[in-house]
All heavy atoms as atom14 arrays in JSON, in Angstrom:
{
  "sequence": "GQKYQIDETDDLIYIGSDFPDEYANSNYSAKAHGTIGKAKANA",
  "atom14_mask": [
    [1, 1, 1, 1, 0, 0, 0, 0, 0, 0, 0, 0, 0, 0],
    [1, 1, 1, 1, 1, 1, 1, 1, 1, 0, 0, 0, 0, 0],
    [1, 1, 1, 1, 1, 1, 1, 1, 1, 0, 0, 0, 0, 0],
    [1, 1, 1, 1, 1, 1, 1, 1, 1, 1, 1, 1, 0, 0],
    [1, 1, 1, 1, 1, 1, 1, 1, 1, 0, 0, 0, 0, 0],
    [1, 1, 1, 1, 1, 1, 1, 1, 0, 0, 0, 0, 0, 0],
    [1, 1, 1, 1, 1, 1, 1, 1, 0, 0, 0, 0, 0, 0],
    [1, 1, 1, 1, 1, 1, 1, 1, 1, 0, 0, 0, 0, 0],
    [1, 1, 1, 1, 1, 1, 1, 0, 0, 0, 0, 0, 0, 0],
    [1, 1, 1, 1, 1, 1, 1, 1, 0, 0, 0, 0, 0, 0],
    [1, 1, 1, 1, 1, 1, 1, 1, 0, 0, 0, 0, 0, 0],
    [1, 1, 1, 1, 1, 1, 1, 1, 0, 0, 0, 0, 0, 0],
    [1, 1, 1, 1, 1, 1, 1, 1, 0, 0, 0, 0, 0, 0],
    [1, 1, 1, 1, 1, 1, 1, 1, 1, 1, 1, 1, 0, 0],
    [1, 1, 1, 1, 1, 1, 1, 1, 0, 0, 0, 0, 0, 0],
    [1, 1, 1, 1, 0, 0, 0, 0, 0, 0, 0, 0, 0, 0],
    [1, 1, 1, 1, 1, 1, 0, 0, 0, 0, 0, 0, 0, 0],
    [1, 1, 1, 1, 1, 1, 1, 1, 0, 0, 0, 0, 0, 0],
    [1, 1, 1, 1, 1, 1, 1, 1, 1, 1, 1, 0, 0, 0],
    [1, 1, 1, 1, 1, 1, 1, 0, 0, 0, 0, 0, 0, 0],
    [1, 1, 1, 1, 1, 1, 1, 1, 0, 0, 0, 0, 0, 0],
    [1, 1, 1, 1, 1, 1, 1, 1, 1, 0, 0, 0, 0, 0],
    [1, 1, 1, 1, 1, 1, 1, 1, 1, 1, 1, 1, 0, 0],
    [1, 1, 1, 1, 1, 0, 0, 0, 0, 0, 0, 0, 0, 0],
    [1, 1, 1, 1, 1, 1, 1, 1, 0, 0, 0, 0, 0, 0],
    [1, 1, 1, 1, 1, 1, 0, 0, 0, 0, 0, 0, 0, 0],
    [1, 1, 1, 1, 1, 1, 1, 1, 0, 0, 0, 0, 0, 0],
    [1, 1, 1, 1, 1, 1, 1, 1, 1, 1, 1, 1, 0, 0],
    [1, 1, 1, 1, 1, 1, 0, 0, 0, 0, 0, 0, 0, 0],
    [1, 1, 1, 1, 1, 0, 0, 0, 0, 0, 0, 0, 0, 0],
    [1, 1, 1, 1, 1, 1, 1, 1, 1, 0, 0, 0, 0, 0],
    [1, 1, 1, 1, 1, 0, 0, 0, 0, 0, 0, 0, 0, 0],
    [1, 1, 1, 1, 1, 1, 1, 1, 1, 1, 0, 0, 0, 0],
    [1, 1, 1, 1, 0, 0, 0, 0, 0, 0, 0, 0, 0, 0],
    [1, 1, 1, 1, 1, 1, 1, 0, 0, 0, 0, 0, 0, 0],
    [1, 1, 1, 1, 1, 1, 1, 1, 0, 0, 0, 0, 0, 0],
    [1, 1, 1, 1, 0, 0, 0, 0, 0, 0, 0, 0, 0, 0],
    [1, 1, 1, 1, 1, 1, 1, 1, 1, 0, 0, 0, 0, 0],
    [1, 1, 1, 1, 1, 0, 0, 0, 0, 0, 0, 0, 0, 0],
    [1, 1, 1, 1, 1, 1, 1, 1, 1, 0, 0, 0, 0, 0],
    [1, 1, 1, 1, 1, 0, 0, 0, 0, 0, 0, 0, 0, 0],
    [1, 1, 1, 1, 1, 1, 1, 1, 0, 0, 0, 0, 0, 0],
    [1, 1, 1, 1, 1, 0, 0, 0, 0, 0, 0, 0, 0, 0]
  ],
  "atom14_positions": [
    [[0.82, -1.23, 0.0], [0.0, 0.0, 0.01], [0.85, 1.27, 0.01], [0.29, 2.37, -0.11], [0.0, 0.0, 0.0], [0.0, 0.0, 0.0], [0.0, 0.0, 0.0], [0.0, 0.0, 0.0], [0.0, 0.0, 0.0], [0.0, 0.0, 0.0], [0.0, 0.0, 0.0], [0.0, 0.0, 0.0], [0.0, 0.0, 0.0], [0.0, 0.0, 0.0]],
    [[2.13, 1.14, 0.1], [3.01, 2.3, 0.12], [3.43, 2.64, -1.29], [3.36, 1.83, -2.2], [4.27, 2.04, 0.95], [3.93, 1.68, 2.42], [3.26, 2.81, 3.14], [3.65, 3.98, 3.08], [2.14, 2.49, 3.83], [0.0, 0.0, 0.0], [0.0, 0.0, 0.0], [0.0, 0.0, 0.0], [0.0, 0.0, 0.0], [0.0, 0.0, 0.0]],
    [[3.92, 3.88, -1.51], [4.5, 4.27, -2.78], [5.84, 4.92, -2.54], [6.03, 5.61, -1.51], [3.56, 5.2, -3.56], [3.25, 6.51, -2.89], [2.27, 7.31, -3.65], [1.95, 8.61, -2.9], [0.99, 9.39, -3.53], [0.0, 0.0, 0.0], [0.0, 0.0, 0.0], [0.0, 0.0, 0.0], [0.0, 0.0, 0.0], [0.0, 0.0, 0.0]],
    [[6.74, 4.71, -3.48], [8.1, 5.2, -3.39], [8.51, 5.74, -4.76], [8.08, 5.28, -5.78], [9.04, 4.1, -2.93], [8.66, 3.47, -1.62], [7.97, 2.25, -1.61], [8.9, 4.12, -0.43], [7.57, 1.7, -0.39], [8.49, 3.52, 0.79], [7.86, 2.35, 0.79], [7.46, 1.75, 1.97], [0.0, 0.0, 0.0], [0.0, 0.0, 0.0]],
    [[9.4, 6.76, -4.71], [9.79, 7.42, -5.96], [11.2, 7.07, -6.33], [12.11, 7.03, -5.5], [9.68, 8.93, -5.77], [9.89, 9.73, -7.04], [9.48, 11.16, -6.88], [9.35, 11.67, -5.75], [9.28, 11.85, -7.96], [0.0, 0.0, 0.0], [0.0, 0.0, 0.0], [0.0, 0.0, 0.0], [0.0, 0.0, 0.0], [0.0, 0.0, 0.0]],
    [[11.37, 6.79, -7.64], [12.72, 6.56, -8.22], [13.35, 7.94, -8.5], [12.79, 8.72, -9.23], [12.62, 5.74, -9.53], [11.99, 4.38, -9.25], [14.0, 5.59, -10.16], [11.7, 3.59, -10.51], [0.0, 0.0, 0.0], [0.0, 0.0, 0.0], [0.0, 0.0, 0.0], [0.0, 0.0, 0.0], [0.0, 0.0, 0.0], [0.0, 0.0, 0.0]],
    [[14.52, 8.16, -7.92], [15.21, 9.47, -8.12], [15.46, 9.76, -9.57], [15.28, 10.86, -10.04], [16.53, 9.51, -7.31], [16.32, 9.77, -5.83], [15.15, 10.08, -5.43], [17.31, 9.7, -5.11], [0.0, 0.0, 0.0], [0.0, 0.0, 0.0], [0.0, 0.0, 0.0], [0.0, 0.0, 0.0], [0.0, 0.0, 0.0], [0.0, 0.0, 0.0]],
    [[15.98, 8.75, -10.32], [16.44, 8.96, -11.67], [15.29, 9.4, -12.64], [15.53, 10.18, -13.51], [17.07, 7.69, -12.19], [17.72, 7.81, -13.58], [18.4, 6.52, -13.99], [19.59, 6.4, -13.64], [17.77, 5.7, -14.7], [0.0, 0.0, 0.0], [0.0, 0.0, 0.0], [0.0, 0.0, 0.0], [0.0, 0.0, 0.0], [0.0, 0.0, 0.0]],
    [[14.09, 8.92, -12.4], [12.99, 9.13, -13.34], [11.81, 9.88, -12.73], [10.86, 10.25, -13.46], [12.48, 7.79, -13.93], [11.96, 7.05, -12.83], [13.54, 7.06, -14.65], [0.0, 0.0, 0.0], [0.0, 0.0, 0.0], [0.0, 0.0, 0.0], [0.0, 0.0, 0.0], [0.0, 0.0, 0.0], [0.0, 0.0, 0.0], [0.0, 0.0, 0.0]],
    [[11.79, 9.97, -11.43], [10.62, 10.52, -10.71], [9.38, 9.65, -10.8], [8.29, 10.08, -10.38], [10.29, 11.96, -11.15], [11.35, 12.98, -10.73], [12.04, 12.72, -9.75], [11.48, 14.02, -11.41], [0.0, 0.0, 0.0], [0.0, 0.0, 0.0], [0.0, 0.0, 0.0], [0.0, 0.0, 0.0], [0.0, 0.0, 0.0], [0.0, 0.0, 0.0]],
    [[9.49, 8.44, -11.33], [8.33, 7.54, -11.37], [8.01, 7.06, -9.96], [8.87, 6.92, -9.12], [8.72, 6.27, -12.17], [8.85, 6.5, -13.66], [8.17, 7.43, -14.16], [9.58, 5.79, -14.31], [0.0, 0.0, 0.0], [0.0, 0.0, 0.0], [0.0, 0.0, 0.0], [0.0, 0.0, 0.0], [0.0, 0.0, 0.0], [0.0, 0.0, 0.0]],
    [[6.71, 6.89, -9.74], [6.25, 6.38, -8.44], [5.99, 4.9, -8.6], [5.42, 4.42, -9.58], [4.92, 7.06, -8.05], [5.05, 8.54, -7.58], [3.65, 9.06, -7.33], [5.93, 8.64, -6.36], [0.0, 0.0, 0.0], [0.0, 0.0, 0.0], [0.0, 0.0, 0.0], [0.0, 0.0, 0.0], [0.0, 0.0, 0.0], [0.0, 0.0, 0.0]],
    [[6.44, 4.13, -7.62], [6.28, 2.71, -7.54], [5.33, 2.39, -6.43], [5.57, 2.77, -5.25], [7.64, 1.97, -7.32], [8.64, 2.39, -8.35], [7.43, 0.5, -7.24], [8.27, 2.03, -9.76], [0.0, 0.0, 0.0], [0.0, 0.0, 0.0], [0.0, 0.0, 0.0], [0.0, 0.0, 0.0], [0.0, 0.0, 0.0], [0.0, 0.0, 0.0]],
    [[4.21, 1.74, -6.7], [3.23, 1.34, -5.71], [3.46, -0.14, -5.37], [3.6, -0.95, -6.26], [1.83, 1.52, -6.24], [1.47, 2.98, -6.5], [1.73, 3.58, -7.72], [0.93, 3.76, -5.45], [1.44, 4.89, -7.96], [0.62, 5.09, -5.69], [0.87, 5.66, -6.93], [0.63, 6.99, -7.15], [0.0, 0.0, 0.0], [0.0, 0.0, 0.0]],
    [[3.45, -0.43, -4.09], [3.7, -1.81, -3.63], [2.33, -2.45, -3.47], [1.58, -2.08, -2.6], [4.49, -1.84, -2.29], [5.81, -1.03, -2.42], [4.72, -3.28, -1.86], [6.76, -1.58, -3.4], [0.0, 0.0, 0.0], [0.0, 0.0, 0.0], [0.0, 0.0, 0.0], [0.0, 0.0, 0.0], [0.0, 0.0, 0.0], [0.0, 0.0, 0.0]],
    [[2.08, -3.48, -4.32], [0.83, -4.19, -4.28], [0.81, -5.32, -3.28], [1.84, -5.75, -2.78], [0.0, 0.0, 0.0], [0.0, 0.0, 0.0], [0.0, 0.0, 0.0], [0.0, 0.0, 0.0], [0.0, 0.0, 0.0], [0.0, 0.0, 0.0], [0.0, 0.0, 0.0], [0.0, 0.0, 0.0], [0.0, 0.0, 0.0], [0.0, 0.0, 0.0]],
    [[-0.35, -5.84, -3.02], [-0.54, -6.9, -2.03], [0.12, -8.22, -2.43], [0.41, -9.07, -1.58], [-2.05, -7.16, -1.77], [-2.68, -7.53, -2.94], [0.0, 0.0, 0.0], [0.0, 0.0, 0.0], [0.0, 0.0, 0.0], [0.0, 0.0, 0.0], [0.0, 0.0, 0.0], [0.0, 0.0, 0.0], [0.0, 0.0, 0.0], [0.0, 0.0, 0.0]],
    [[0.42, -8.39, -3.72], [1.09, -9.6, -4.19], [2.58, -9.57, -4.05], [3.28, -10.56, -4.22], [0.68, -9.94, -5.61], [1.0, -8.84, -6.6], [1.18, -7.69, -6.19], [1.11, -9.12, -7.81], [0.0, 0.0, 0.0], [0.0, 0.0, 0.0], [0.0, 0.0, 0.0], [0.0, 0.0, 0.0], [0.0, 0.0, 0.0], [0.0, 0.0, 0.0]],
    [[3.14, -8.36, -3.74], [4.57, -8.21, -3.68], [5.27, -9.13, -2.64], [6.28, -9.81, -3.01], [4.95, -6.73, -3.38], [6.4, -6.51, -3.13], [7.31, -6.64, -4.14], [6.84, -6.12, -1.9], [8.69, -6.43, -3.94], [8.17, -5.87, -1.63], [9.12, -6.05, -2.66], [0.0, 0.0, 0.0], [0.0, 0.0, 0.0], [0.0, 0.0, 0.0]],
    [[4.82, -9.22, -1.39], [5.54, -10.07, -0.45], [5.64, -11.53, -0.87], [6.68, -12.17, -0.78], [4.7, -9.94, 0.84], [4.05, -8.62, 0.74], [3.71, -8.49, -0.72], [0.0, 0.0, 0.0], [0.0, 0.0, 0.0], [0.0, 0.0, 0.0], [0.0, 0.0, 0.0], [0.0, 0.0, 0.0], [0.0, 0.0, 0.0], [0.0, 0.0, 0.0]],
    [[4.51, -12.07, -1.38], [4.52, -13.47, -1.83], [5.41, -13.65, -3.04], [6.16, -14.63, -3.11], [3.07, -13.91, -2.14], [3.04, -15.35, -2.68], [3.46, -16.24, -1.93], [2.59, -15.53, -3.82], [0.0, 0.0, 0.0], [0.0, 0.0, 0.0], [0.0, 0.0, 0.0], [0.0, 0.0, 0.0], [0.0, 0.0, 0.0], [0.0, 0.0, 0.0]],
    [[5.33, -12.75, -4.0], [6.18, -12.9, -5.22], [7.66, -12.77, -4.89], [8.45, -13.56, -5.37], [5.8, -11.8, -6.24], [6.58, -11.86, -7.5], [6.41, -13.13, -8.36], [5.35, -13.74, -8.28], [7.39, -13.54, -9.0], [0.0, 0.0, 0.0], [0.0, 0.0, 0.0], [0.0, 0.0, 0.0], [0.0, 0.0, 0.0], [0.0, 0.0, 0.0]],
    [[8.03, -11.86, -4.02], [9.43, -11.7, -3.63], [9.98, -12.95, -2.88], [11.04, -13.41, -3.19], [9.54, -10.48, -2.72], [10.95, -10.04, -2.41], [11.56, -8.99, -3.15], [11.7, -10.6, -1.38], [12.82, -8.56, -2.85], [12.98, -10.18, -1.12], [13.55, -9.17, -1.82], [14.82, -8.71, -1.53], [0.0, 0.0, 0.0], [0.0, 0.0, 0.0]],
    [[9.22, -13.42, -1.93], [9.66, -14.5, -1.05], [9.48, -15.92, -1.66], [10.16, -16.82, -1.27], [8.97, -14.45, 0.29], [0.0, 0.0, 0.0], [0.0, 0.0, 0.0], [0.0, 0.0, 0.0], [0.0, 0.0, 0.0], [0.0, 0.0, 0.0], [0.0, 0.0, 0.0], [0.0, 0.0, 0.0], [0.0, 0.0, 0.0], [0.0, 0.0, 0.0]],
    [[8.56, -16.04, -2.57], [8.2, -17.38, -3.09], [8.4, -17.54, -4.6], [7.87, -18.5, -5.17], [6.81, -17.74, -2.67], [6.63, -17.73, -1.21], [7.32, -18.5, -0.47], [5.77, -16.89, -0.68], [0.0, 0.0, 0.0], [0.0, 0.0, 0.0], [0.0, 0.0, 0.0], [0.0, 0.0, 0.0], [0.0, 0.0, 0.0], [0.0, 0.0, 0.0]],
    [[9.12, -16.66, -5.23], [9.36, -16.79, -6.64], [10.26, -17.97, -6.89], [10.96, -18.48, -6.03], [10.03, -15.51, -7.16], [11.36, -15.4, -6.67], [0.0, 0.0, 0.0], [0.0, 0.0, 0.0], [0.0, 0.0, 0.0], [0.0, 0.0, 0.0], [0.0, 0.0, 0.0], [0.0, 0.0, 0.0], [0.0, 0.0, 0.0], [0.0, 0.0, 0.0]],
    [[10.33, -18.4, -8.17], [11.25, -19.47, -8.56], [12.67, -19.09, -8.26], [13.46, -19.94, -7.8], [11.1, -19.77, -10.07], [9.81, -20.46, -10.35], [9.19, -21.08, -9.53], [9.35, -20.36, -11.6], [0.0, 0.0, 0.0], [0.0, 0.0, 0.0], [0.0, 0.0, 0.0], [0.0, 0.0, 0.0], [0.0, 0.0, 0.0], [0.0, 0.0, 0.0]],
    [[13.02, -17.83, -8.44], [14.39, -17.35, -8.14], [14.7, -17.51, -6.69], [15.78, -17.96, -6.29], [14.54, -15.9, -8.59], [15.91, -15.37, -8.3], [16.99, -15.62, -9.16], [16.19, -14.63, -7.15], [18.26, -15.18, -8.89], [17.44, -14.15, -6.88], [18.48, -14.41, -7.77], [19.75, -13.96, -7.5], [0.0, 0.0, 0.0], [0.0, 0.0, 0.0]],
    [[13.76, -17.12, -5.78], [14.0, -17.25, -4.36], [14.15, -18.68, -3.95], [15.0, -19.01, -3.1], [12.84, -16.62, -3.55], [12.79, -15.26, -3.77], [0.0, 0.0, 0.0], [0.0, 0.0, 0.0], [0.0, 0.0, 0.0], [0.0, 0.0, 0.0], [0.0, 0.0, 0.0], [0.0, 0.0, 0.0], [0.0, 0.0, 0.0], [0.0, 0.0, 0.0]],
    [[13.38, -19.55, -4.53], [13.47, -20.99, -4.19], [14.85, -21.55, -4.52], [15.3, -22.46, -3.83], [12.38, -21.77, -4.94], [0.0, 0.0, 0.0], [0.0, 0.0, 0.0], [0.0, 0.0, 0.0], [0.0, 0.0, 0.0], [0.0, 0.0, 0.0], [0.0, 0.0, 0.0], [0.0, 0.0, 0.0], [0.0, 0.0, 0.0], [0.0, 0.0, 0.0]],
    [[15.49, -21.0, -5.53], [16.81, -21.51, -5.95], [17.95, -20.7, -5.27], [19.1, -21.11, -5.41], [16.97, -21.36, -7.44], [15.99, -22.24, -8.2], [16.09, -21.98, -9.71], [15.02, -22.7, -10.48], [15.0, -22.38, -11.86], [0.0, 0.0, 0.0], [0.0, 0.0, 0.0], [0.0, 0.0, 0.0], [0.0, 0.0, 0.0], [0.0, 0.0, 0.0]],
    [[17.63, -19.6, -4.58], [18.65, -18.74, -4.01], [19.06, -19.31, -2.66], [18.35, -19.2, -1.68], [18.12, -17.31, -3.86], [0.0, 0.0, 0.0], [0.0, 0.0, 0.0], [0.0, 0.0, 0.0], [0.0, 0.0, 0.0], [0.0, 0.0, 0.0], [0.0, 0.0, 0.0], [0.0, 0.0, 0.0], [0.0, 0.0, 0.0], [0.0, 0.0, 0.0]],
    [[20.27, -19.85, -2.6], [20.82, -20.39, -1.41], [22.12, -19.65, -1.05], [22.62, -18.89, -1.88], [21.13, -21.89, -1.53], [19.94, -22.72, -1.84], [18.95, -23.02, -0.94], [19.49, -23.28, -3.02], [18.0, -23.77, -1.47], [18.32, -23.92, -2.76], [0.0, 0.0, 0.0], [0.0, 0.0, 0.0], [0.0, 0.0, 0.0], [0.0, 0.0, 0.0]],
    [[22.67, -19.9, 0.11], [23.95, -19.34, 0.47], [23.97, -17.81, 0.45], [22.99, -17.18, 0.83], [0.0, 0.0, 0.0], [0.0, 0.0, 0.0], [0.0, 0.0, 0.0], [0.0, 0.0, 0.0], [0.0, 0.0, 0.0], [0.0, 0.0, 0.0], [0.0, 0.0, 0.0], [0.0, 0.0, 0.0], [0.0, 0.0, 0.0], [0.0, 0.0, 0.0]],
    [[25.03, -17.27, -0.09], [25.23, -15.8, -0.08], [24.16, -15.1, -0.85], [23.63, -14.06, -0.41], [26.62, -15.49, -0.65], [27.61, -16.14, 0.12], [26.87, -14.0, -0.59], [0.0, 0.0, 0.0], [0.0, 0.0, 0.0], [0.0, 0.0, 0.0], [0.0, 0.0, 0.0], [0.0, 0.0, 0.0], [0.0, 0.0, 0.0], [0.0, 0.0, 0.0]],
    [[23.75, -15.6, -2.02], [22.74, -14.93, -2.83], [21.4, -14.91, -2.14], [20.68, -13.87, -2.11], [22.64, -15.58, -4.24], [23.96, -15.45, -4.96], [21.53, -14.95, -5.04], [24.5, -14.03, -5.17], [0.0, 0.0, 0.0], [0.0, 0.0, 0.0], [0.0, 0.0, 0.0], [0.0, 0.0, 0.0], [0.0, 0.0, 0.0], [0.0, 0.0, 0.0]],
    [[20.98, -16.05, -1.57], [19.7, -16.1, -0.83], [19.72, -15.12, 0.32], [18.77, -14.43, 0.62], [0.0, 0.0, 0.0], [0.0, 0.0, 0.0], [0.0, 0.0, 0.0], [0.0, 0.0, 0.0], [0.0, 0.0, 0.0], [0.0, 0.0, 0.0], [0.0, 0.0, 0.0], [0.0, 0.0, 0.0], [0.0, 0.0, 0.0], [0.0, 0.0, 0.0]],
    [[20.84, -15.18, 1.08], [20.94, -14.28, 2.24], [20.91, -12.81, 1.83], [20.27, -11.98, 2.47], [22.25, -14.58, 2.98], [22.41, -13.9, 4.29], [23.69, -14.42, 4.94], [23.93, -13.73, 6.25], [25.2, -14.2, 6.88], [0.0, 0.0, 0.0], [0.0, 0.0, 0.0], [0.0, 0.0, 0.0], [0.0, 0.0, 0.0], [0.0, 0.0, 0.0]],
    [[21.52, -12.52, 0.69], [21.53, -11.12, 0.18], [20.1, -10.69, -0.19], [19.68, -9.63, 0.2], [22.43, -11.01, -1.02], [0.0, 0.0, 0.0], [0.0, 0.0, 0.0], [0.0, 0.0, 0.0], [0.0, 0.0, 0.0], [0.0, 0.0, 0.0], [0.0, 0.0, 0.0], [0.0, 0.0, 0.0], [0.0, 0.0, 0.0], [0.0, 0.0, 0.0]],
    [[19.38, -11.59, -0.93], [18.0, -11.21, -1.31], [17.12, -11.07, -0.07], [16.31, -10.09, 0.02], [17.44, -12.24, -2.26], [16.03, -11.86, -2.73], [15.45, -12.79, -3.71], [14.06, -12.3, -4.13], [13.38, -13.14, -5.04], [0.0, 0.0, 0.0], [0.0, 0.0, 0.0], [0.0, 0.0, 0.0], [0.0, 0.0, 0.0], [0.0, 0.0, 0.0]],
    [[17.23, -12.0, 0.87], [16.43, -11.9, 2.08], [16.7, -10.59, 2.85], [15.77, -9.9, 3.27], [16.7, -13.1, 2.97], [0.0, 0.0, 0.0], [0.0, 0.0, 0.0], [0.0, 0.0, 0.0], [0.0, 0.0, 0.0], [0.0, 0.0, 0.0], [0.0, 0.0, 0.0], [0.0, 0.0, 0.0], [0.0, 0.0, 0.0], [0.0, 0.0, 0.0]],
    [[17.95, -10.24, 2.98], [18.3, -9.05, 3.74], [18.05, -7.74, 2.99], [17.82, -6.71, 3.59], [19.74, -9.12, 4.25], [19.83, -10.02, 5.43], [19.39, -9.64, 6.55], [20.34, -11.22, 5.27], [0.0, 0.0, 0.0], [0.0, 0.0, 0.0], [0.0, 0.0, 0.0], [0.0, 0.0, 0.0], [0.0, 0.0, 0.0], [0.0, 0.0, 0.0]],
    [[18.05, -7.8, 1.66], [17.67, -6.64, 0.88], [16.2, -6.25, 1.15], [15.85, -5.08, 0.95], [17.92, -6.89, -0.59], [0.0, 0.0, 0.0], [0.0, 0.0, 0.0], [0.0, 0.0, 0.0], [0.0, 0.0, 0.0], [0.0, 0.0, 0.0], [0.0, 0.0, 0.0], [0.0, 0.0, 0.0], [0.0, 0.0, 0.0], [0.0, 0.0, 0.0]]
  ]
}
């Protein structure tokens, strides 16, 4: 429900209700182990 602005373009990005699930349960996340998984989780 929040919105954030990209400095470079001034575009507004709205965070939708599907964002948490997509970020945490995407195919990429399922394969992300070790340093890469830890980096994505902490980002």
